[in-house]
Structures are given as structure tokens and as C-alpha cells.
Protein backbone atom coordinates (compact mmCIF):
# COMPACT_ATOMS: atom_id res chain seq x y z
CA MET A 1 55.95 21.29 -8.42
CA ARG A 2 52.55 21.60 -6.68
CA THR A 3 52.12 23.61 -3.54
CA ALA A 4 50.43 22.06 -0.49
CA GLY A 5 46.66 22.11 -0.64
CA HIS A 6 46.64 22.88 -4.36
CA THR A 7 44.04 20.92 -6.40
CA PRO A 8 44.79 20.41 -10.10
CA PRO A 9 42.30 22.10 -12.46
CA ALA A 10 41.36 18.77 -14.05
CA ARG A 11 40.45 17.27 -10.69
CA ARG A 12 38.50 20.39 -9.71
CA ALA A 13 36.54 20.18 -12.97
CA ALA A 14 35.83 16.49 -12.45
CA SER A 15 34.66 17.11 -8.88
CA ALA A 16 32.43 19.96 -10.04
CA ALA A 17 30.92 17.76 -12.75
CA VAL A 18 30.18 15.01 -10.25
CA GLY A 19 28.68 17.50 -7.82
CA ALA A 20 26.43 18.98 -10.50
CA ALA A 21 25.32 15.56 -11.67
CA GLN A 22 24.30 14.30 -8.24
CA PRO A 23 20.95 16.18 -8.03
CA LEU A 24 20.15 14.83 -11.50
CA GLN A 25 19.90 11.35 -9.99
CA LEU A 26 16.91 12.46 -7.97
CA LEU A 27 15.34 14.25 -10.93
CA LEU A 28 15.78 11.14 -13.09
CA VAL A 29 14.01 9.01 -10.48
CA VAL A 30 11.06 11.42 -10.32
CA VAL A 31 10.76 11.62 -14.13
CA THR A 32 10.91 7.83 -14.41
CA ALA A 33 8.22 7.48 -11.74
CA VAL A 34 5.95 9.99 -13.53
CA VAL A 35 6.31 8.10 -16.82
CA LEU A 36 5.53 4.80 -15.11
CA ARG A 37 2.40 6.23 -13.53
CA ALA A 38 1.23 7.52 -16.91
CA PHE A 39 1.28 3.98 -18.30
CA SER A 40 0.11 2.09 -15.19
CA ALA A 41 -3.39 1.01 -14.27
CA THR A 42 -4.85 2.22 -11.00
CA ASN A 43 -4.53 -0.16 -8.08
CA VAL A 44 -7.63 -2.26 -7.39
CA ASP A 45 -8.19 -1.09 -3.81
CA VAL A 46 -7.40 2.52 -4.67
CA SER A 47 -9.99 2.43 -7.46
CA TRP A 48 -12.64 0.93 -5.16
CA LEU A 49 -11.96 3.43 -2.38
CA ILE A 50 -12.14 6.33 -4.86
CA THR A 51 -15.55 5.00 -5.91
CA ILE A 52 -16.59 4.82 -2.26
CA GLY A 53 -15.46 8.43 -1.80
CA GLU A 54 -17.55 9.58 -4.76
CA LYS A 55 -20.59 7.76 -3.42
CA MET A 56 -20.09 9.24 0.05
CA LEU A 57 -19.98 12.73 -1.45
CA ALA A 58 -23.19 11.89 -3.30
CA GLY A 59 -24.89 11.20 0.03
CA GLU A 60 -24.54 7.44 0.44
CA ARG A 61 -23.74 6.26 3.96
CA LEU A 62 -20.64 4.26 4.72
CA TYR A 63 -21.47 0.85 6.29
CA VAL A 64 -25.15 1.35 5.51
CA ASP A 65 -25.41 1.98 1.76
CA LEU A 66 -21.79 0.91 1.19
CA ILE A 67 -20.29 -2.18 2.81
CA GLU A 68 -16.51 -1.93 3.23
CA VAL A 69 -14.31 -4.31 5.24
CA ASN A 70 -11.94 -1.58 6.47
CA ALA A 71 -12.38 1.16 9.04
CA PRO A 72 -13.38 4.68 7.87
CA ALA A 73 -9.80 5.94 7.53
CA SER A 74 -9.42 3.84 4.38
CA ALA A 75 -12.27 5.74 2.73
CA PHE A 76 -11.26 9.13 4.18
CA LEU A 77 -7.74 8.72 2.83
CA TYR A 78 -8.84 9.26 -0.77
CA LEU A 79 -11.58 11.84 -0.19
CA PRO A 80 -9.22 14.84 -0.58
CA ALA A 81 -8.17 13.55 -4.01
CA VAL A 82 -11.82 13.19 -5.07
CA VAL A 83 -12.70 16.70 -3.85
CA LEU A 84 -9.63 18.33 -5.43
CA ALA A 85 -10.16 16.44 -8.69
CA ARG A 86 -13.65 17.84 -8.98
CA ALA A 87 -12.47 21.35 -8.22
CA LEU A 88 -9.60 21.19 -10.73
CA GLY A 89 -11.35 19.22 -13.46
CA LEU A 90 -8.97 16.26 -13.18
CA SER A 91 -9.61 12.57 -12.68
CA PRO A 92 -9.40 11.33 -9.09
CA GLU A 93 -6.78 8.78 -10.18
CA VAL A 94 -4.46 11.53 -11.40
CA MET A 95 -5.09 13.52 -8.24
CA VAL A 96 -4.20 10.54 -6.05
CA ASP A 97 -0.89 10.21 -7.91
CA VAL A 98 -0.16 13.93 -7.56
CA LEU A 99 -0.87 13.92 -3.82
CA VAL A 100 1.22 10.80 -3.24
CA PHE A 101 4.15 12.37 -5.12
CA LEU A 102 3.83 15.54 -3.04
CA ALA A 103 3.57 13.55 0.19
CA ALA A 104 6.64 11.47 -0.70
CA GLY A 105 8.62 14.61 -1.53
CA ALA A 106 7.62 16.30 1.73
CA SER A 107 8.40 13.16 3.73
CA LEU A 108 11.86 12.76 2.21
CA TRP A 109 12.63 16.46 2.62
CA LEU A 110 11.63 16.46 6.28
CA ALA A 111 13.51 13.22 6.99
CA GLY A 112 16.59 14.72 5.32
CA ARG A 113 16.32 17.88 7.40
CA ILE A 114 16.10 15.89 10.60
CA LEU A 115 19.01 13.61 9.70
CA GLN A 116 21.30 16.59 9.05
CA TYR A 117 21.58 16.91 12.80
CA THR A 118 22.94 13.45 13.51
CA HIS A 119 26.55 12.37 13.11
CA ILE A 120 25.51 8.87 12.06
CA PHE A 121 25.31 10.01 8.47
CA ASP A 122 28.54 12.00 8.34
CA GLY A 123 30.23 11.32 5.01
CA VAL A 124 27.21 9.58 3.53
CA ASP A 125 26.54 10.21 -0.15
CA GLY A 126 23.35 12.16 0.54
CA TRP A 127 22.13 12.76 -3.00
CA SER A 128 22.50 9.13 -3.98
CA LEU A 129 20.74 7.99 -0.82
CA ALA A 130 17.92 10.48 -1.45
CA ALA A 131 17.56 9.27 -5.04
CA TRP A 132 17.42 5.63 -3.94
CA SER A 133 14.88 6.41 -1.20
CA ALA A 134 12.77 8.31 -3.71
CA ALA A 135 12.89 5.30 -6.03
CA VAL A 136 11.75 3.08 -3.16
CA LEU A 137 8.77 5.38 -2.57
CA LEU A 138 7.87 6.23 -6.17
CA ILE A 139 9.07 3.40 -8.43
CA LEU A 140 9.25 0.27 -6.29
CA PRO A 141 5.49 0.20 -5.46
CA MET A 142 4.52 -0.38 -9.11
CA HIS A 143 0.91 -1.68 -9.00
CA THR A 144 0.73 -1.13 -5.23
CA PHE A 145 1.20 2.63 -5.77
CA GLY A 146 -1.21 4.64 -3.64
CA GLU A 147 -2.18 1.65 -1.48
CA ARG A 148 -2.67 2.26 2.23
CA GLU A 149 0.60 0.48 3.08
CA HIS A 150 2.42 2.69 0.57
CA ILE A 151 0.97 5.87 2.05
CA ALA A 152 1.63 4.67 5.61
CA THR A 153 5.31 4.10 4.76
CA ILE A 154 5.54 7.67 3.49
CA LEU A 155 3.87 8.98 6.64
CA LEU A 156 6.24 7.07 8.94
CA LEU A 157 9.57 8.15 7.43
CA PRO A 158 9.81 11.42 9.43
CA LEU A 159 9.21 9.51 12.68
CA LEU A 160 11.93 6.99 11.79
CA ALA A 161 14.31 9.88 11.06
CA LEU A 162 13.40 11.46 14.41
CA LEU A 163 14.06 8.18 16.22
CA LEU A 164 17.44 7.91 14.47
CA LEU A 165 18.25 11.37 15.80
CA ARG A 166 17.21 10.36 19.31
CA ALA A 167 19.27 7.17 19.01
CA SER A 168 22.36 9.35 18.58
CA ASN A 169 21.30 11.43 21.61
CA GLY A 170 20.22 14.34 19.42
CA ALA A 171 17.51 16.81 20.42
CA PRO A 172 14.84 17.38 17.73
CA VAL A 173 13.04 20.70 17.48
CA LEU A 174 9.36 20.95 18.38
CA ARG A 175 8.02 21.34 14.84
CA TRP A 176 9.69 18.08 13.78
CA ILE A 177 8.26 16.31 16.81
CA ILE A 178 4.75 17.51 15.97
CA VAL A 179 4.91 16.60 12.28
CA ALA A 180 6.50 13.19 12.90
CA GLY A 181 3.94 12.38 15.61
CA ILE A 182 1.04 13.39 13.39
CA GLY A 183 2.38 11.30 10.51
CA ALA A 184 2.74 8.22 12.69
CA GLY A 185 -0.70 8.76 14.24
CA LEU A 186 -2.30 8.95 10.80
CA ALA A 187 -0.46 5.79 9.73
CA ILE A 188 -1.85 3.89 12.73
CA ALA A 189 -5.31 5.28 12.00
CA ILE A 190 -5.07 3.75 8.52
CA LYS A 191 -4.42 0.34 10.09
CA PRO A 192 -4.00 -0.19 13.84
CA HIS A 193 -1.51 -3.00 13.09
CA PHE A 194 1.03 -0.33 12.14
CA ALA A 195 1.54 0.41 15.82
CA ILE A 196 3.77 -2.70 15.84
CA PRO A 197 6.56 -1.32 13.60
CA VAL A 198 6.30 2.06 15.34
CA GLY A 199 6.72 0.42 18.75
CA LEU A 200 9.63 -1.78 17.63
CA ALA A 201 11.44 1.19 16.05
CA ALA A 202 11.01 3.21 19.27
CA ALA A 203 12.34 0.28 21.30
CA ALA A 204 15.36 -0.01 19.00
CA ALA A 205 16.04 3.72 19.43
CA ALA A 206 15.78 3.39 23.21
CA TYR A 207 18.26 0.50 23.17
CA ALA A 208 20.65 2.39 20.88
CA CYS A 209 20.88 5.42 23.19
CA ARG A 210 20.53 3.33 26.35
CA SER A 211 17.56 5.36 27.58
CA TRP A 212 14.04 4.07 28.15
CA ARG A 213 12.84 7.69 28.06
CA VAL A 214 12.72 7.50 24.25
CA LEU A 215 9.67 5.26 24.61
CA PHE A 216 7.84 8.19 26.21
CA ALA A 217 9.13 10.93 23.89
CA PRO A 218 6.58 13.63 22.91
CA GLU A 219 6.14 12.33 19.36
CA ASN A 220 4.97 8.98 20.76
CA TRP A 221 2.36 10.73 22.91
CA ILE A 222 1.14 12.65 19.86
CA THR A 223 0.96 9.41 17.88
CA GLY A 224 -0.99 7.67 20.64
CA ALA A 225 -3.35 10.61 21.14
CA ILE A 226 -4.27 10.68 17.45
CA ALA A 227 -4.81 6.91 17.38
CA VAL A 228 -7.03 6.98 20.48
CA ALA A 229 -8.99 10.01 19.25
CA TYR A 230 -9.58 8.31 15.91
CA GLY A 231 -10.76 5.13 17.62
CA ALA A 232 -13.22 7.11 19.74
CA TYR A 233 -14.46 8.93 16.64
CA VAL A 234 -15.12 5.66 14.80
CA ILE A 235 -17.09 4.27 17.76
CA ALA A 236 -19.20 7.45 18.01
CA ALA A 237 -19.68 8.27 14.33
CA TYR A 238 -19.84 4.79 12.77
CA PRO A 239 -21.58 2.42 15.18
CA GLU A 240 -22.61 0.28 12.19
CA PHE A 241 -18.96 -0.55 11.59
CA ILE A 242 -18.52 -1.73 15.19
CA HIS A 243 -21.79 -3.63 15.61
CA ASP A 244 -22.52 -4.86 12.07
CA VAL A 245 -19.48 -4.89 9.79
CA MET A 246 -16.79 -6.00 12.24
CA PRO A 247 -18.64 -9.21 13.24
CA LEU A 248 -19.27 -9.85 9.54
CA VAL A 249 -15.57 -9.39 8.76
CA ARG A 250 -14.52 -11.67 11.63
CA ALA A 251 -16.88 -14.40 10.45
CA THR A 252 -16.18 -14.37 6.71
CA TYR A 253 -13.16 -12.24 5.75
CA LEU A 254 -10.46 -12.72 8.37
CA PRO A 255 -10.53 -16.54 8.39
CA ALA A 256 -9.42 -16.58 4.74
CA ARG A 257 -5.69 -16.90 5.35
CA LYS A 258 -2.71 -18.46 3.61
CA GLY A 259 -0.55 -20.98 5.39
CA LEU A 260 2.85 -20.05 6.82
CA PHE A 261 4.82 -21.61 3.96
CA ALA A 262 2.69 -19.81 1.34
CA LEU A 263 3.18 -16.49 3.14
CA LEU A 264 6.95 -17.01 3.33
CA THR A 265 7.30 -17.89 -0.34
CA THR A 266 5.45 -14.99 -1.96
CA ALA A 267 7.70 -13.05 -4.33
CA PRO A 268 7.88 -9.86 -2.17
CA MET A 269 8.78 -11.89 0.94
CA LEU A 270 11.52 -13.74 -0.93
CA CYS A 271 12.94 -10.38 -2.06
CA TRP A 272 12.78 -9.15 1.55
CA MET A 273 14.73 -12.17 2.74
CA VAL A 274 17.37 -11.67 0.04
CA ALA A 275 17.76 -8.03 1.15
CA LEU A 276 18.31 -9.23 4.74
CA ILE A 277 20.89 -11.77 3.59
CA LEU A 278 22.82 -9.06 1.73
CA LEU A 279 22.66 -6.78 4.76
CA VAL A 280 23.95 -9.50 7.08
CA ARG A 281 26.76 -10.29 4.67
CA TRP A 282 27.87 -6.66 4.29
CA GLN A 283 27.22 -5.24 7.75
CA ARG A 284 27.31 -8.23 10.10
CA ARG A 285 27.24 -7.04 13.74
CA ALA A 286 26.73 -3.43 12.66
CA LEU A 287 23.10 -4.36 11.99
CA LEU A 288 22.59 -4.43 15.75
CA MET A 289 23.49 -0.74 15.99
CA SER A 290 21.84 2.45 14.79
CA PRO A 291 20.85 3.29 12.09
CA PHE A 292 20.39 -0.25 10.79
CA SER A 293 18.79 -1.56 13.98
CA LEU A 294 15.96 0.98 13.76
CA LEU A 295 15.22 0.42 10.09
CA LEU A 296 15.29 -3.34 10.49
CA ALA A 297 13.15 -3.19 13.63
CA ALA A 298 10.48 -1.28 11.70
CA SER A 299 10.88 -3.64 8.73
CA LEU A 300 10.46 -6.66 11.00
CA GLY A 301 7.42 -5.00 12.55
CA PHE A 302 5.81 -4.63 9.14
CA THR A 303 6.68 -8.26 8.42
CA LEU A 304 4.78 -9.25 11.57
CA VAL A 305 1.83 -7.20 10.30
CA TYR A 306 2.08 -9.04 6.98
CA PHE A 307 1.80 -12.39 8.78
CA ILE A 308 -0.97 -11.16 11.09
CA GLN A 309 -3.08 -10.16 8.08
CA GLY A 310 -2.30 -13.51 6.50
CA LYS A 311 -3.45 -12.70 2.96
CA GLY A 312 -0.05 -12.74 1.26
CA TRP A 313 -0.98 -9.88 -1.04
CA PRO A 314 2.00 -7.96 -2.48
CA TYR A 315 1.02 -4.59 -1.06
CA HIS A 316 0.96 -6.02 2.47
CA ALA A 317 4.68 -6.78 2.09
CA TYR A 318 5.62 -3.42 0.59
CA PRO A 319 6.57 -1.52 3.80
CA ALA A 320 8.84 -4.31 5.08
CA LEU A 321 10.58 -4.60 1.70
CA ALA A 322 10.84 -0.83 1.25
CA LEU A 323 12.57 -0.28 4.61
CA ALA A 324 14.92 -3.23 4.02
CA LEU A 325 15.93 -1.72 0.68
CA ILE A 326 16.51 1.69 2.28
CA ALA A 327 18.72 -0.01 4.88
CA LEU A 328 20.55 -1.72 2.04
CA ALA A 329 21.08 1.64 0.34
CA LEU A 330 22.37 3.12 3.56
CA ALA A 331 24.87 0.27 3.83
CA GLY A 332 26.10 1.16 0.38
CA ALA A 333 26.13 4.89 0.99
CA MET A 334 28.35 4.72 4.06
CA PRO A 335 31.86 6.19 3.49
CA ARG A 336 34.25 3.78 1.83
CA ALA A 337 37.99 4.15 2.02
CA GLU A 338 39.61 2.53 -0.98
CA ALA A 339 43.34 2.91 -1.02
CA GLY A 340 44.73 4.97 -3.86
CA THR A 341 41.34 6.03 -5.19
CA ALA A 342 39.25 9.17 -5.04
CA PRO A 343 36.08 9.18 -2.90
CA SER A 344 33.29 7.22 -4.62
CA HIS A 345 30.05 8.94 -5.55
CA ARG A 346 28.33 5.68 -6.35
CA LEU A 347 25.64 4.44 -4.00
CA PHE A 348 27.01 0.89 -3.92
CA PRO A 349 30.55 -0.44 -4.34
CA ALA A 350 31.22 -2.07 -7.70
CA HIS A 351 31.13 -5.65 -6.38
CA SER A 352 27.61 -5.20 -5.02
CA MET A 353 26.01 -3.47 -8.00
CA ILE A 354 24.84 -6.63 -9.77
CA PRO A 355 23.04 -8.31 -6.84
CA VAL A 356 21.45 -5.00 -5.79
CA ALA A 357 20.30 -4.21 -9.34
CA VAL A 358 18.83 -7.70 -9.73
CA LEU A 359 17.11 -7.47 -6.34
CA ALA A 360 15.64 -4.05 -7.17
CA ALA A 361 14.29 -5.30 -10.51
CA LEU A 362 12.81 -8.44 -8.96
CA SER A 363 11.24 -6.40 -6.16
CA CYS A 364 9.50 -4.15 -8.69
CA LEU A 365 8.19 -7.19 -10.55
CA ALA A 366 7.02 -8.78 -7.30
CA LEU A 367 4.96 -5.69 -6.46
CA ASN A 368 3.54 -5.36 -9.96
CA ALA A 369 1.21 -8.34 -9.83
CA ALA A 370 -2.22 -7.37 -11.12
CA VAL A 371 -5.32 -8.89 -12.70
CA ASN A 372 -5.58 -7.66 -16.29
CA MET A 373 -9.19 -6.90 -17.15
CA ALA A 374 -8.34 -4.77 -20.20
CA PRO A 375 -9.64 -7.41 -22.68
CA LEU A 376 -13.15 -6.72 -21.35
CA ILE A 377 -13.10 -2.99 -22.06
CA ASP A 378 -13.80 -3.02 -25.80
CA PRO A 379 -16.48 -5.76 -25.76
CA ILE A 380 -18.41 -3.96 -23.02
CA ARG A 381 -17.93 -0.54 -24.60
CA ALA A 382 -19.34 -1.91 -27.87
CA LEU A 383 -22.49 -2.92 -26.03
CA LYS A 384 -23.01 0.22 -23.96
CA ALA A 385 -21.14 3.49 -23.52
CA ARG A 386 -20.56 4.42 -19.88
CA PRO A 387 -22.60 1.51 -18.52
CA THR A 388 -23.97 0.93 -15.07
CA LEU A 389 -22.31 -2.26 -13.89
CA LEU A 390 -21.92 -4.83 -11.14
CA THR A 391 -20.20 -8.20 -10.93
CA ILE A 392 -21.02 -11.65 -9.62
CA THR A 393 -17.66 -12.79 -8.32
CA SER A 394 -15.65 -12.80 -5.10
CA ASP A 395 -12.73 -10.97 -6.72
CA ILE A 396 -12.84 -7.20 -6.32
CA ALA A 397 -10.25 -6.90 -9.11
CA VAL A 398 -12.87 -7.91 -11.70
CA GLY A 399 -14.89 -4.72 -11.36
CA HIS A 400 -12.21 -2.26 -10.25
CA PRO A 401 -10.73 -0.29 -11.91
CA LEU A 402 -12.65 -1.69 -14.94
CA VAL A 403 -15.82 0.28 -14.22
CA ARG A 404 -13.84 3.51 -13.96
CA GLU A 405 -11.90 2.79 -17.15
CA LEU A 406 -15.27 2.36 -18.89
CA GLN A 407 -16.38 5.69 -17.36
CA GLY A 408 -19.30 3.74 -16.02
CA LYS A 409 -21.10 3.65 -12.68
CA TRP A 410 -20.81 0.98 -10.01
CA VAL A 411 -24.27 0.07 -8.70
CA SER A 412 -23.57 -2.50 -6.00
CA ARG A 413 -23.16 -1.71 -2.32
CA VAL A 414 -20.18 -4.11 -2.11
CA GLY A 415 -17.02 -4.30 -4.22
CA ALA A 416 -17.48 -8.06 -4.72
CA LEU A 417 -19.25 -11.04 -3.12
CA TRP A 418 -16.59 -11.48 -0.46
CA ILE A 419 -19.18 -12.35 2.19
CA SER A 420 -20.53 -15.32 0.24
CA ALA A 421 -17.01 -16.44 -0.69
CA GLY A 422 -16.00 -16.37 2.98
CA VAL A 423 -19.06 -18.42 3.92
CA PHE A 424 -18.33 -21.01 1.20
CA ARG A 425 -14.76 -21.42 2.43
CA ARG A 426 -15.73 -21.79 6.07
CA ALA A 427 -18.55 -24.20 5.23
CA LEU A 428 -15.88 -26.69 4.13
CA ASP A 429 -14.66 -26.91 7.72
CA GLU A 430 -16.19 -30.07 9.11
CA LYS A 431 -15.37 -29.00 12.68
CA LEU A 432 -17.93 -26.18 12.64
CA ASP A 433 -20.85 -26.81 14.96
CA PRO A 434 -24.43 -26.60 13.58
CA GLY A 435 -25.04 -23.23 15.22
CA LYS A 436 -22.11 -21.58 13.48
CA LYS A 437 -23.05 -23.18 10.17
CA ALA A 438 -26.56 -21.80 10.49
CA ALA A 439 -25.17 -18.33 11.27
CA LEU A 440 -22.95 -18.51 8.20
CA LYS A 441 -25.90 -19.50 6.02
CA ARG A 442 -27.75 -16.42 7.24
CA LEU A 443 -24.78 -14.24 6.25
CA ALA A 444 -24.70 -15.82 2.78
CA ALA A 445 -28.45 -15.21 2.44
CA ARG A 446 -27.92 -11.59 3.44
CA ASP A 447 -25.23 -11.18 0.77
CA ARG A 448 -27.52 -12.81 -1.80
CA ASP A 449 -30.38 -10.50 -0.81
CA MET A 450 -28.17 -7.42 -1.23
CA LEU A 451 -27.18 -8.63 -4.70
CA VAL A 452 -30.80 -9.21 -5.71
CA ASP A 453 -31.85 -5.83 -4.34
CA ASP A 454 -29.00 -4.04 -6.13
CA ILE A 455 -29.96 -5.63 -9.46
CA ARG A 456 -33.67 -4.98 -8.96
CA ARG A 457 -33.31 -1.34 -7.87
CA ASN A 458 -30.45 -0.22 -10.11
CA ARG A 459 -31.11 -2.34 -13.22
CA PRO A 460 -27.42 -2.41 -14.27
CA ASP A 461 -26.73 -2.33 -18.00
CA ILE A 462 -23.99 -4.95 -17.66
CA ILE A 463 -23.42 -7.79 -15.22
CA LEU A 464 -20.07 -9.58 -15.31
CA VAL A 465 -20.09 -13.16 -14.05
CA GLU A 466 -16.89 -15.06 -13.29
CA LYS A 467 -16.73 -18.75 -14.27
CA GLY A 468 -13.26 -19.55 -12.99
CA VAL A 469 -12.18 -21.69 -10.05
CA PHE A 470 -15.69 -21.19 -8.69
CA ASP A 471 -18.55 -21.09 -11.21
CA TRP A 472 -20.59 -18.10 -10.08
CA GLU A 473 -23.02 -18.48 -12.99
CA THR A 474 -24.04 -21.94 -11.78
CA TRP A 475 -24.45 -20.55 -8.27
CA ALA A 476 -26.56 -17.64 -9.53
CA ARG A 477 -28.79 -19.77 -11.78
CA ALA A 478 -29.37 -22.25 -8.94
CA ASP A 479 -30.73 -19.56 -6.62
CA PRO A 480 -34.37 -18.73 -7.51
CA LEU A 481 -34.14 -15.08 -6.43
CA VAL A 482 -30.92 -14.33 -8.34
CA ALA A 483 -32.06 -16.34 -11.36
CA ALA A 484 -35.31 -14.35 -11.51
CA GLU A 485 -33.34 -11.11 -11.85
CA LEU A 486 -30.92 -12.60 -14.40
CA ALA A 487 -33.92 -13.55 -16.55
CA HIS A 488 -33.95 -9.91 -17.68
CA TYR A 489 -30.44 -10.33 -19.14
CA ARG A 490 -29.05 -11.98 -22.24
CA GLU A 491 -25.62 -13.40 -22.83
CA ALA A 492 -23.70 -10.78 -24.84
CA GLY A 493 -20.27 -12.39 -24.94
CA ARG A 494 -17.59 -14.37 -23.18
CA VAL A 495 -14.02 -13.24 -22.58
CA ALA A 496 -11.74 -15.81 -20.95
CA VAL A 497 -13.56 -16.96 -17.79
CA PHE A 498 -15.99 -14.02 -17.76
CA LEU A 499 -19.56 -14.04 -18.97
CA ILE A 500 -20.94 -10.66 -20.11
CA LEU A 501 -24.66 -10.26 -19.50
CA GLN A 502 -26.52 -7.29 -21.00
CA ARG A 503 -29.90 -6.11 -19.80
CA GLN A 504 -32.54 -6.66 -22.44
CA GLY A 505 -33.64 -3.40 -24.00
CA SER A 506 -30.63 -1.43 -22.73
């Protein structure tokens, strides 16, 4: 006969085994993420911004010698990786991965520390939730790994944890307030649009604790101060961005938008909607209360940003999908009382495992879309080792990360002919008045002149020309100035829709 409070040895051993195995979930996620990074190509934008960083360190001036559509924070974001890579003898790509891993670990650790002081998570399977959140930050991004949206999500997690604490009427310590405010301020500096999810999450926290004072909490003042200081810095230090690049972007880049239906039916958005459907089915009215209300408010905010940007690119949808999946994990990690059974250490109940597993797999695939330029590596390498290179195409993915994989040098001041492409698209609009059409033609001529000057001055070994939906070779041959420079090149091969031109004598 057992005495009261006595636990059988077999049950104690089983509990100990489960307890010891729980941290292994997190370790397995990290190991899997490291392996995936080892076999994954660098993201297009990350590769281009690394190249910009290297050129800036070499003395080239942003928005003068290098034309980039984004504000300086996008270039600054990757400068530490470039500097550290040089100091340690590593590639910048590896250093970006290392820093993102460290940032994700620090963000999750801090968020976990903050959430220890709120009763909302009492009884939650913490290790499983941490492992799932780590997977969302380190595995889910796939080809969007290291993108600005990915990094911004990492930076915002401590603030969301702090708001969850405030929603339960908790009192965070000063150091958490400072770190969370700095993280959110840096996220907004990356893209001002990110103020929308921050504001919606703060509003949800204020509603949850029935106090408007949360909207004016110290971390929000820190966030706002950093954002305002950054804006003032950009105006003072980079007037060319304000007076030259921004009008150019408004005229040619921003108008290129997908329609509402196309934006709604991208693979990441469909996954996001499925996650919301599962949450509504499992939590129902509980979604209107903390912690779900805060996570979903931020997720909806990022969805608004996705629609505001209007490009439909997978990485733009990552933050909204990531936060929805974390909310889904939290729904599964909440204590479950199943009659006659021992407490479950699984993240999700058995009946929900299949839809969640399928959703997670589909979400990874949705964020792994990438242009594969690998077939061009060997043909170009056979022509010239470590070539200087530029492209004649509107797609930045043609040259990046290809030029870095070739260990070559990019010799154009732009990542692609996005200015000309924007002009061509807008020129199809019959409603444009003659004055605007003339202004657009001047912008196209400016882009053409930069291309001609880059070829003439830098004499690239290889020029890649895309002959896809738009035949850039026909465009180039029809322009006397571009054609005159291409006369120094011979056709050295064709791979799919790409023409490889090699400089004669190189």
C-alpha cells in the first residue's frame, strides 16, 4: 500500500527522463538550423547589402556612388558583419548568420526572462514553447534568413514580451525597459512601417489591462526617441537620399505593386490565414484576451505593412506569419487537463499535430522561394576566374549572390536596372500626362547613362543580359550608347534566358 504523496520509482524515472529531454528540443532546433544554413544560398537582398557595405568601407558614398532604394539603416545593418568578417578572416555571409543566431538567442532569452514574471504563462510547457519559437526564428525563414523583416522580428520580441507583462499589470525592471525600447527603435529605423505593429501591440496591451497609460510607457518613449533621432540623422547626413533617391523611388519603384487578390493569394499569406483559422477554431473568444490579442495585433500590423509595401515578396510576409505561428504554439502549450492521464509534455495535443506539422512545412516552403542562378557559375568561371561583373536586367536576383559566389567584383552603382523597369511599367499607363511621361523618360535616360558610364569606366569582364519576359538585349542593342559599349564584348554562351557576354581580350 502506497503512502500519501509517494511517487512510484518508475514514474519518477519517467518524469526525470522527460525533464532531461526537454532542453534537447531546443538544441535539436539550433543544430537543424545550423545545418540548413550551411547548405542554403545567401538571400538576394542580404548579398546586395553586404556588397554595399564593402563598397562603403572602400570609400564609396551611399546615394552618390551607390544607388539604393532603402534608407541608410538597411546598409548599416550589415556593416558590423562585414567589419567582423574581415577581422576574423571569415566570409561576411557566415558572419551575418552567426550574428543573427546570437541575436535570436539573446532575444528569446530576454523574452523568456521577462515572461517569467507574468502569471499568464503559468503551467505552460516552457521548453517546448522556446524550441518552437527558436524554430520560427531560425528555421522558418529559409531563404528569407537575415532579411530586414527577419531581423526586425527578432528585435521586437523583447518589446512584445514586455507588453505582455504590462497587460497582466506586471511591473518590468528598468534594464528590460531600456533593452526592449532600443530593440523596437532599431526595428522602426530599419523600416518606418514597423511602427504600425508596435503601435497595435501597445494598444492591445492597454486594452488588456484597461489602462491607456501603457501607450505612454517608458519603452515607447525610448522607441520613439530612437526613431526620431535616426530620421534627423538621415536628413542631416544623407541629403542625397531625401532630395534625389526618394523622388526617384516614388516615381519608379513604389508604383510597381501587385493587386489585392495577388497579395492575398501568395503562399506565405495563405499560410498566415490558415494559422488564423486554426487559432480561431481552438481558442475562439480567448483570442480577444492577452496573450493572444497582443501577438495577433502585432501580426495584423505586419500584415498591414505587407499590403502597404504591395510587392508580395515572401520576406515581407515573414513577420506576420512568424507571430501567428508563435501564437499557435502558445495555444498548444497552454495547460491541458486530460482526465486519467499524466500531464502532457507535447507542444500540441495529438489531434492538432497533423495540421500544425503540415502548416509548418508549407510555411517553410513558402518562404524558401528563390531564383536559382547556380547554372551560371561554372560557365562564367570557365571564362574568367573572379570576374568583374554587372548585369543588364531589372532583377536584382540575377547578379546577387552570383557575383559573390564567383568571388568576383560588382562594378555597377545599382543592383539592377530597377529605374528603367519602373519607367517602362509606368509608360504603359495611358492616363499619364505628357509632363510626367517626359520626366519618366529623363529618369530612364539617367539610368541608361549610369549603365554606359559603369561599363566604360570599369570595363567588366562579364556582362549578363536577361532575355526573359522583357528582352534586355534588344533594348540594349537598340540604344546607340549602350550598343557602342557592348561592341567590345562577344557572346560567350547562353544559359536558359541569360546571355553571357565576355569582354574581348579579357
